[in-house]
Each structure stands twice: as structure tokens, then as C-alpha cells.
C-alpha atoms as a PDB file:
ATOM      1  CA  MET A   1       2.113  23.511  48.786  1.00  0.00           C
ATOM      2  CA  SER A   2       0.887  21.114  51.506  1.00  0.00           C
ATOM      3  CA  THR A   3      -2.207  19.041  52.144  1.00  0.00           C
ATOM      4  CA  THR A   4      -4.104  18.777  55.393  1.00  0.00           C
ATOM      5  CA  VAL A   5      -7.112  16.705  56.231  1.00  0.00           C
ATOM      6  CA  SER A   6     -10.175  18.215  57.891  1.00  0.00           C
ATOM      7  CA  GLU A   7     -13.462  16.717  58.794  1.00  0.00           C
ATOM      8  CA  HIS A   8     -14.757  17.809  55.400  1.00  0.00           C
ATOM      9  CA  GLY A   9     -12.009  16.075  53.463  1.00  0.00           C
ATOM     10  CA  PRO A  10      -8.527  16.943  52.134  1.00  0.00           C
ATOM     11  CA  VAL A  11      -7.692  20.622  51.851  1.00  0.00           C
ATOM     12  CA  LEU A  12      -4.850  22.007  49.704  1.00  0.00           C
ATOM     13  CA  GLU A  13      -2.782  24.770  51.269  1.00  0.00           C
ATOM     14  CA  HIS A  14      -0.495  26.935  49.159  1.00  0.00           C
ATOM     15  CA  GLY A  15       2.954  27.533  50.512  1.00  0.00           C
ATOM     16  CA  HIS A  16       6.018  29.432  49.417  1.00  0.00           C
ATOM     17  CA  ASP A  17       8.531  28.077  46.947  1.00  0.00           C
ATOM     18  CA  ASP A  18      11.486  26.717  48.900  1.00  0.00           C
ATOM     19  CA  GLY A  19      13.843  27.266  45.990  1.00  0.00           C
ATOM     20  CA  HIS A  20      14.169  23.577  45.163  1.00  0.00           C
ATOM     21  CA  GLY A  21      11.363  23.392  42.617  1.00  0.00           C
ATOM     22  CA  ASP A  22      11.574  23.609  38.858  1.00  0.00           C
ATOM     23  CA  GLY A  23      11.569  27.394  38.774  1.00  0.00           C
ATOM     24  CA  GLN A  24       7.900  27.670  37.952  1.00  0.00           C
ATOM     25  CA  GLY A  25       6.682  28.205  41.509  1.00  0.00           C
ATOM     26  CA  GLY A  26       5.550  25.654  44.042  1.00  0.00           C
ATOM     27  CA  GLY A  27       7.770  22.919  42.605  1.00  0.00           C
ATOM     28  CA  LEU A  28       4.935  21.810  40.294  1.00  0.00           C
ATOM     29  CA  ALA A  29       5.982  19.447  37.486  1.00  0.00           C
ATOM     30  CA  HIS A  30       5.337  20.461  33.909  1.00  0.00           C
ATOM     31  CA  ALA A  31       2.417  18.722  32.256  1.00  0.00           C
ATOM     32  CA  ALA A  32       3.432  16.726  29.174  1.00  0.00           C
ATOM     33  CA  PRO A  33       2.063  18.130  25.925  1.00  0.00           C
ATOM     34  CA  PRO A  34      -0.962  16.184  24.693  1.00  0.00           C
ATOM     35  CA  SER A  35      -0.257  13.579  22.021  1.00  0.00           C
ATOM     36  CA  LEU A  36      -2.482  13.108  18.980  1.00  0.00           C
ATOM     37  CA  GLY A  37      -1.606   9.422  18.862  1.00  0.00           C
ATOM     38  CA  VAL A  38      -0.579   9.684  15.199  1.00  0.00           C
ATOM     39  CA  ASP A  39       2.597   8.139  13.796  1.00  0.00           C
ATOM     40  CA  MET A  40       3.937  11.006  11.698  1.00  0.00           C
ATOM     41  CA  VAL A  41       6.019   8.711   9.485  1.00  0.00           C
ATOM     42  CA  LYS A  42       2.955   6.605   8.678  1.00  0.00           C
ATOM     43  CA  LEU A  43       0.981   9.770   8.027  1.00  0.00           C
ATOM     44  CA  LEU A  44       3.716  10.917   5.667  1.00  0.00           C
ATOM     45  CA  ILE A  45       3.764   7.659   3.716  1.00  0.00           C
ATOM     46  CA  TRP A  46      -0.040   7.659   3.446  1.00  0.00           C
ATOM     47  CA  THR A  47       0.078  11.250   2.180  1.00  0.00           C
ATOM     48  CA  PHE A  48       2.740  10.296  -0.353  1.00  0.00           C
ATOM     49  CA  MET A  49       0.729   7.317  -1.595  1.00  0.00           C
ATOM     50  CA  SER A  50      -2.376   9.488  -1.925  1.00  0.00           C
ATOM     51  CA  SER A  51      -0.490  11.901  -4.153  1.00  0.00           C
ATOM     52  CA  GLU A  52       0.851   9.001  -6.202  1.00  0.00           C
ATOM     53  CA  CYS A  53      -2.713   7.795  -6.749  1.00  0.00           C
ATOM     54  CA  PHE A  54      -3.431  11.061  -8.548  1.00  0.00           C
ATOM     55  CA  LEU A  55      -0.330  10.644 -10.715  1.00  0.00           C
ATOM     56  CA  PHE A  56      -1.137   7.066 -11.652  1.00  0.00           C
ATOM     57  CA  GLY A  57      -4.761   8.024 -12.230  1.00  0.00           C
ATOM     58  CA  THR A  58      -3.681  10.742 -14.643  1.00  0.00           C
ATOM     59  CA  LEU A  59      -1.450   8.337 -16.568  1.00  0.00           C
ATOM     60  CA  ILE A  60      -4.199   5.710 -16.768  1.00  0.00           C
ATOM     61  CA  ILE A  61      -6.719   8.254 -18.033  1.00  0.00           C
ATOM     62  CA  THR A  62      -4.195   9.405 -20.634  1.00  0.00           C
ATOM     63  CA  PHE A  63      -3.700   5.813 -21.787  1.00  0.00           C
ATOM     64  CA  LEU A  64      -7.462   5.255 -22.042  1.00  0.00           C
ATOM     65  CA  SER A  65      -7.937   8.467 -24.009  1.00  0.00           C
ATOM     66  CA  TYR A  66      -5.520   7.162 -26.666  1.00  0.00           C
ATOM     67  CA  LEU A  67      -6.687   3.556 -26.519  1.00  0.00           C
ATOM     68  CA  ASN A  68      -9.170   3.789 -29.396  1.00  0.00           C
ATOM     69  CA  ARG A  69      -7.277   6.428 -31.349  1.00  0.00           C
ATOM     70  CA  HIS A  70      -6.528   4.205 -34.339  1.00  0.00           C
ATOM     71  CA  HIS A  71     -10.244   3.464 -34.822  1.00  0.00           C
ATOM     72  CA  GLN A  72     -11.031   7.162 -34.658  1.00  0.00           C
ATOM     73  CA  LEU A  73      -8.445   7.906 -37.338  1.00  0.00           C
ATOM     74  CA  ALA A  74      -9.799   5.100 -39.518  1.00  0.00           C
ATOM     75  CA  ALA A  75     -13.321   6.485 -39.183  1.00  0.00           C
ATOM     76  CA  GLU A  76     -12.045   9.871 -40.315  1.00  0.00           C
ATOM     77  CA  GLY A  77     -10.266   8.361 -43.296  1.00  0.00           C
ATOM     78  CA  LEU A  78      -6.862   9.038 -41.740  1.00  0.00           C
ATOM     79  CA  ALA A  79      -5.793   5.491 -40.916  1.00  0.00           C
ATOM     80  CA  ASP A  80      -2.415   6.065 -42.576  1.00  0.00           C
ATOM     81  CA  LEU A  81      -1.492   8.472 -39.780  1.00  0.00           C
ATOM     82  CA  TRP A  82      -1.387   5.588 -37.291  1.00  0.00           C
ATOM     83  CA  LYS A  83       1.995   3.905 -37.209  1.00  0.00           C
ATOM     84  CA  GLY A  84       2.683   0.558 -35.614  1.00  0.00           C
ATOM     85  CA  PRO A  85       0.427  -2.091 -34.037  1.00  0.00           C
ATOM     86  CA  VAL A  86      -2.505  -1.664 -31.684  1.00  0.00           C
ATOM     87  CA  PRO A  87      -2.484  -2.935 -28.074  1.00  0.00           C
ATOM     88  CA  PHE A  88      -4.183  -6.326 -28.399  1.00  0.00           C
ATOM     89  CA  GLU A  89      -1.846  -7.254 -31.268  1.00  0.00           C
ATOM     90  CA  VAL A  90       1.289  -7.061 -29.138  1.00  0.00           C
ATOM     91  CA  TYR A  91       0.165  -8.155 -25.686  1.00  0.00           C
ATOM     92  CA  ASP A  92       1.186 -11.557 -24.374  1.00  0.00           C
ATOM     93  CA  ILE A  93      -1.414 -12.037 -21.644  1.00  0.00           C
ATOM     94  CA  PRO A  94      -0.132 -15.406 -20.316  1.00  0.00           C
ATOM     95  CA  TYR A  95       3.358 -13.951 -19.917  1.00  0.00           C
ATOM     96  CA  THR A  96       2.120 -10.772 -18.226  1.00  0.00           C
ATOM     97  CA  SER A  97      -0.164 -12.846 -15.987  1.00  0.00           C
ATOM     98  CA  VAL A  98       2.873 -14.700 -14.661  1.00  0.00           C
ATOM     99  CA  SER A  99       4.599 -11.381 -13.932  1.00  0.00           C
ATOM    100  CA  ALA A 100       1.489 -10.165 -12.127  1.00  0.00           C
ATOM    101  CA  PHE A 101       1.363 -13.373 -10.075  1.00  0.00           C
ATOM    102  CA  VAL A 102       5.018 -12.948  -9.082  1.00  0.00           C
ATOM    103  CA  LEU A 103       4.380  -9.418  -7.852  1.00  0.00           C
ATOM    104  CA  LEU A 104       1.256 -10.470  -5.950  1.00  0.00           C
ATOM    105  CA  LEU A 105       3.206 -13.346  -4.382  1.00  0.00           C
ATOM    106  CA  SER A 106       5.659 -10.769  -3.064  1.00  0.00           C
ATOM    107  CA  SER A 107       2.817  -9.252  -1.020  1.00  0.00           C
ATOM    108  CA  LEU A 108       2.549 -12.555   0.838  1.00  0.00           C
ATOM    109  CA  THR A 109       6.262 -12.651   1.599  1.00  0.00           C
ATOM    110  CA  MET A 110       6.021  -9.032   2.768  1.00  0.00           C
ATOM    111  CA  VAL A 111       3.288 -10.026   5.239  1.00  0.00           C
ATOM    112  CA  LEU A 112       5.485 -12.878   6.480  1.00  0.00           C
ATOM    113  CA  ALA A 113       8.367 -10.434   6.940  1.00  0.00           C
ATOM    114  CA  LEU A 114       6.174  -8.217   9.108  1.00  0.00           C
ATOM    115  CA  ALA A 115       5.031 -11.210  11.154  1.00  0.00           C
ATOM    116  CA  ALA A 116       8.674 -12.188  11.716  1.00  0.00           C
ATOM    117  CA  ALA A 117       9.514  -8.635  12.791  1.00  0.00           C
ATOM    118  CA  GLN A 118       6.634  -8.569  15.270  1.00  0.00           C
ATOM    119  CA  SER A 119       7.779 -11.846  16.827  1.00  0.00           C
ATOM    120  CA  ASN A 120      11.456 -10.745  16.824  1.00  0.00           C
ATOM    121  CA  GLN A 121      12.606 -13.574  14.539  1.00  0.00           C
ATOM    122  CA  GLN A 122      15.599 -11.868  12.920  1.00  0.00           C
ATOM    123  CA  ARG A 123      16.581 -14.771  10.692  1.00  0.00           C
ATOM    124  CA  GLN A 124      13.054 -15.210   9.334  1.00  0.00           C
ATOM    125  CA  LEU A 125      12.794 -11.459   8.864  1.00  0.00           C
ATOM    126  CA  ARG A 126      15.910 -11.416   6.682  1.00  0.00           C
ATOM    127  CA  ILE A 127      14.691 -14.404   4.667  1.00  0.00           C
ATOM    128  CA  TRP A 128      11.316 -12.854   3.849  1.00  0.00           C
ATOM    129  CA  LEU A 129      12.742  -9.404   3.158  1.00  0.00           C
ATOM    130  CA  VAL A 130      15.211 -10.729   0.616  1.00  0.00           C
ATOM    131  CA  ALA A 131      12.547 -13.054  -0.840  1.00  0.00           C
ATOM    132  CA  THR A 132      10.244 -10.069  -1.397  1.00  0.00           C
ATOM    133  CA  ALA A 133      13.059  -8.084  -2.999  1.00  0.00           C
ATOM    134  CA  LEU A 134      13.980 -11.000  -5.272  1.00  0.00           C
ATOM    135  CA  LEU A 135      10.385 -11.388  -6.425  1.00  0.00           C
ATOM    136  CA  GLY A 136      10.337  -7.681  -7.179  1.00  0.00           C
ATOM    137  CA  MET A 137      13.508  -8.059  -9.249  1.00  0.00           C
ATOM    138  CA  VAL A 138      11.967 -10.990 -11.149  1.00  0.00           C
ATOM    139  CA  PHE A 139       9.026  -8.736 -11.999  1.00  0.00           C
ATOM    140  CA  LEU A 140      11.372  -5.977 -13.160  1.00  0.00           C
ATOM    141  CA  GLY A 141      13.308  -8.456 -15.282  1.00  0.00           C
ATOM    142  CA  GLY A 142      10.067  -9.570 -16.896  1.00  0.00           C
ATOM    143  CA  GLN A 143       9.103  -5.972 -17.594  1.00  0.00           C
ATOM    144  CA  PHE A 144      12.490  -5.274 -19.161  1.00  0.00           C
ATOM    145  CA  PHE A 145      12.076  -8.322 -21.407  1.00  0.00           C
ATOM    146  CA  GLU A 146       8.598  -7.166 -22.428  1.00  0.00           C
ATOM    147  CA  PHE A 147       9.850  -3.668 -23.251  1.00  0.00           C
ATOM    148  CA  THR A 148      12.702  -5.119 -25.298  1.00  0.00           C
ATOM    149  CA  THR A 149      10.342  -7.418 -27.181  1.00  0.00           C
ATOM    150  CA  PHE A 150       7.976  -4.578 -27.981  1.00  0.00           C
ATOM    151  CA  LYS A 151      10.798  -2.488 -29.389  1.00  0.00           C
ATOM    152  CA  THR A 152      12.799  -5.077 -31.317  1.00  0.00           C
ATOM    153  CA  HIS A 153      10.103  -7.492 -32.491  1.00  0.00           C
ATOM    154  CA  GLU A 154       6.868  -5.491 -32.527  1.00  0.00           C
ATOM    155  CA  GLY A 155       8.330  -2.197 -33.659  1.00  0.00           C
ATOM    156  CA  ILE A 156       6.684  -0.099 -30.968  1.00  0.00           C
ATOM    157  CA  TRP A 157       8.429   2.456 -28.745  1.00  0.00           C
ATOM    158  CA  PHE A 158       7.801   5.818 -27.079  1.00  0.00           C
ATOM    159  CA  ASP A 159       7.691   7.707 -30.372  1.00  0.00           C
ATOM    160  CA  THR A 160       5.825   5.132 -32.477  1.00  0.00           C
ATOM    161  CA  ASN A 161       2.260   6.219 -31.702  1.00  0.00           C
ATOM    162  CA  GLN A 162       0.050   7.420 -28.850  1.00  0.00           C
ATOM    163  CA  PHE A 163      -0.371   3.889 -27.545  1.00  0.00           C
ATOM    164  CA  GLY A 164       3.391   3.416 -27.285  1.00  0.00           C
ATOM    165  CA  SER A 165       4.044   6.711 -25.525  1.00  0.00           C
ATOM    166  CA  SER A 166       1.219   6.324 -22.983  1.00  0.00           C
ATOM    167  CA  PHE A 167       1.930   2.616 -22.392  1.00  0.00           C
ATOM    168  CA  PHE A 168       5.644   2.977 -21.744  1.00  0.00           C
ATOM    169  CA  MET A 169       5.142   6.063 -19.604  1.00  0.00           C
ATOM    170  CA  LEU A 170       2.582   4.358 -17.366  1.00  0.00           C
ATOM    171  CA  THR A 171       4.239   0.961 -16.982  1.00  0.00           C
ATOM    172  CA  GLY A 172       7.716   2.493 -16.784  1.00  0.00           C
ATOM    173  CA  PHE A 173       6.577   4.835 -14.014  1.00  0.00           C
ATOM    174  CA  HIS A 174       5.256   1.844 -12.090  1.00  0.00           C
ATOM    175  CA  GLY A 175       8.497  -0.042 -12.710  1.00  0.00           C
ATOM    176  CA  ALA A 176      10.398   2.880 -11.200  1.00  0.00           C
ATOM    177  CA  HIS A 177       8.264   2.569  -8.052  1.00  0.00           C
ATOM    178  CA  VAL A 178       8.997  -1.163  -7.865  1.00  0.00           C
ATOM    179  CA  THR A 179      12.718  -0.374  -8.165  1.00  0.00           C
ATOM    180  CA  VAL A 180      12.488   2.037  -5.230  1.00  0.00           C
ATOM    181  CA  GLY A 181      10.674  -0.623  -3.220  1.00  0.00           C
ATOM    182  CA  VAL A 182      13.323  -3.247  -3.977  1.00  0.00           C
ATOM    183  CA  ALA A 183      16.088  -0.851  -2.892  1.00  0.00           C
ATOM    184  CA  TRP A 184      14.164  -0.087   0.301  1.00  0.00           C
ATOM    185  CA  LEU A 185      13.727  -3.774   1.166  1.00  0.00           C
ATOM    186  CA  LEU A 186      17.369  -4.589   0.450  1.00  0.00           C
ATOM    187  CA  SER A 187      18.495  -1.705   2.665  1.00  0.00           C
ATOM    188  CA  LEU A 188      16.406  -3.126   5.524  1.00  0.00           C
ATOM    189  CA  TRP A 189      17.861  -6.573   4.854  1.00  0.00           C
ATOM    190  CA  LEU A 190      21.435  -5.266   4.911  1.00  0.00           C
ATOM    191  CA  TYR A 191      20.761  -3.266   8.078  1.00  0.00           C
ATOM    192  CA  SER A 192      19.338  -6.363   9.763  1.00  0.00           C
ATOM    193  CA  LEU A 193      22.243  -8.471   8.525  1.00  0.00           C
ATOM    194  CA  ARG A 194      24.963  -6.121   9.774  1.00  0.00           C
ATOM    195  CA  ARG A 195      23.517  -4.745  12.997  1.00  0.00           C
ATOM    196  CA  GLY A 196      20.182  -6.381  13.578  1.00  0.00           C
ATOM    197  CA  ILE A 197      16.981  -4.417  13.972  1.00  0.00           C
ATOM    198  CA  SER A 198      15.913  -3.970  17.584  1.00  0.00           C
ATOM    199  CA  PRO A 199      12.568  -5.539  18.559  1.00  0.00           C
ATOM    200  CA  ALA A 200      11.250  -2.077  19.367  1.00  0.00           C
ATOM    201  CA  LYS A 201      12.000  -0.697  15.883  1.00  0.00           C
ATOM    202  CA  ALA A 202      11.625  -3.691  13.568  1.00  0.00           C
ATOM    203  CA  PRO A 203       7.807  -3.916  13.369  1.00  0.00           C
ATOM    204  CA  ARG A 204       7.419  -0.207  12.612  1.00  0.00           C
ATOM    205  CA  LEU A 205      10.199  -0.118  10.003  1.00  0.00           C
ATOM    206  CA  VAL A 206       8.942  -3.210   8.210  1.00  0.00           C
ATOM    207  CA  GLU A 207       5.307  -2.102   8.404  1.00  0.00           C
ATOM    208  CA  ILE A 208       6.075   1.249   6.745  1.00  0.00           C
ATOM    209  CA  ALA A 209       8.042  -0.472   3.969  1.00  0.00           C
ATOM    210  CA  GLY A 210       5.183  -2.942   3.632  1.00  0.00           C
ATOM    211  CA  LEU A 211       2.635  -0.158   3.179  1.00  0.00           C
ATOM    212  CA  TYR A 212       4.586   1.135   0.206  1.00  0.00           C
ATOM    213  CA  TRP A 213       5.094  -2.339  -1.250  1.00  0.00           C
ATOM    214  CA  HIS A 214       1.411  -3.257  -1.008  1.00  0.00           C
ATOM    215  CA  PHE A 215       0.537   0.053  -2.648  1.00  0.00           C
ATOM    216  CA  VAL A 216       2.788  -0.812  -5.592  1.00  0.00           C
ATOM    217  CA  ASP A 217       1.127  -4.224  -5.877  1.00  0.00           C
ATOM    218  CA  ILE A 218      -2.395  -2.777  -5.830  1.00  0.00           C
ATOM    219  CA  VAL A 219      -1.493  -0.253  -8.510  1.00  0.00           C
ATOM    220  CA  TRP A 220      -0.249  -3.078 -10.715  1.00  0.00           C
ATOM    221  CA  ILE A 221      -3.568  -4.922 -10.343  1.00  0.00           C
ATOM    222  CA  VAL A 222      -5.315  -1.834 -11.681  1.00  0.00           C
ATOM    223  CA  ILE A 223      -2.798  -1.417 -14.506  1.00  0.00           C
ATOM    224  CA  PHE A 224      -2.977  -5.086 -15.470  1.00  0.00           C
ATOM    225  CA  THR A 225      -6.773  -4.949 -15.608  1.00  0.00           C
ATOM    226  CA  VAL A 226      -7.120  -1.631 -17.436  1.00  0.00           C
ATOM    227  CA  VAL A 227      -4.061  -1.651 -19.685  1.00  0.00           C
ATOM    228  CA  TYR A 228      -3.730  -5.350 -20.560  1.00  0.00           C
ATOM    229  CA  LEU A 229      -6.968  -7.248 -20.031  1.00  0.00           C
ATOM    230  CA  THR A 230      -9.484  -4.663 -21.190  1.00  0.00           C
ATOM    231  CA  PRO A 231      -7.936  -3.918 -24.627  1.00  0.00           C
ATOM    232  CA  THR A 232      -7.389  -7.627 -25.219  1.00  0.00           C
ATOM    233  CA  ALA A 233     -10.992  -8.494 -24.343  1.00  0.00           C
ATOM    234  CA  LEU A 234     -12.343  -5.698 -26.544  1.00  0.00           C
ATOM    235  CA  GLN A 235      -9.662  -6.222 -29.218  1.00  0.00           C
ATOM    236  CA  ILE A 236      -8.766  -2.561 -29.403  1.00  0.00           C
END
């Protein structure tokens, strides 16, 4: 195909394929497929977190449905069927508040890790990644201590009553998510330590891990408010 110029402007003239094109006639280049401009990995992680919201919501609703069960049994003259303490009798709000603060502090270090990745500061990136993971492990250690205290000193476990089963299921499920997040952050730290993360990949990798980590933190805010503070305030 050739172009000539007439007094009325450029005119396209079709010619024969000379055999040196791309095999599609006329040597025309293929048009690139249109892009939706969507990061599929980010879309996947958002989809995953949305599904996890339903799971956590179900567990929270289950906990709330059993929250006042001992009062209901007492009103029906069946108080003897309730074994073990009630929530506000076993909670240590100052202790749990410290654990919540530690986990929220890890959100700040996660933001600093992303900032370091965006500015290609590998050393700072490693520092903030491992700091976030360590804060997550401190939270997990505090949760393990709380679980142990509930079982050995308060006499409450999964099979004690409805409060115990719903409480340990909900908080244990969240602890499992924190464990996954810690493993994820440590894997990024080790990868950066051994090979270094290229400036082109680092911001995206850290941002995706950060999305998950912030999700875990937000869920804990909800759990802390609904599971710990509300029963203590209402003494139920």
C-alpha cells in the first residue's frame, strides 16, 4: 500500500503484497489487543478479601448469637446447663488493648515498607518488612498466651460452652490469617535479602502484601470492638 498526495489531500493506494509482510496481506502490523487496565493479581486479592469478609462476618454473627446465651438459660430456669465463665469475667482488656496496638502499629511499618519499595531503598525495605513481621509475631505470641490463660486458669476451651467454641473459632481463624501474613512478609524479606527485588517489581509485590496485611488489621479492629469491648461494657 502506498500514499500519494493530490490537491485534495493524501490519498491511500492499495498495492499488492510483496511477500515481505507479516502474512496477513499488505504488510499491515497486528493491532495490540485492548487492555482493561486492571491488575489481575490485585483483582484476585481483592476478590479473596471480599470472600473472607463473608467468612469473618459469619463467625462474628455466630459469636453474637451465643453472647447472651447464659442469661437466656437463666431466664428459662436452666442456668445449670451453662458451664464455665461468661465473656466479661475472663477478658483482660488492658492486655488485649496492647496486642491490638501492636497489630495496628504494624500497619504503619507496612506503609513505610511500601514507601521504601517505591523509592528503591532496598535496605529500608528489608528493615520495615521484618519489623512488620516481628510485630505480627508479637501479636501471635500474645494471642497464644491469652488462649493458654483461658484454658489453664479460667477453665474455658472449645468444648466448655458456646462462648468458648465461638470465641476460639473466631479469634483462632484471625490468628491463622496473621500467621499467613507473617510468612508472606518474611518470604519477601528473604527474597530481597538474597537477590534483591528489582525497582520495577518491588512496589507491586509489597503493595499486594500490604493490602492483605491491612485487611487483617481492619478485621482485628472489628473483632476487638465486637468481641472484647462490647461484652465488657455490657457485662454479658
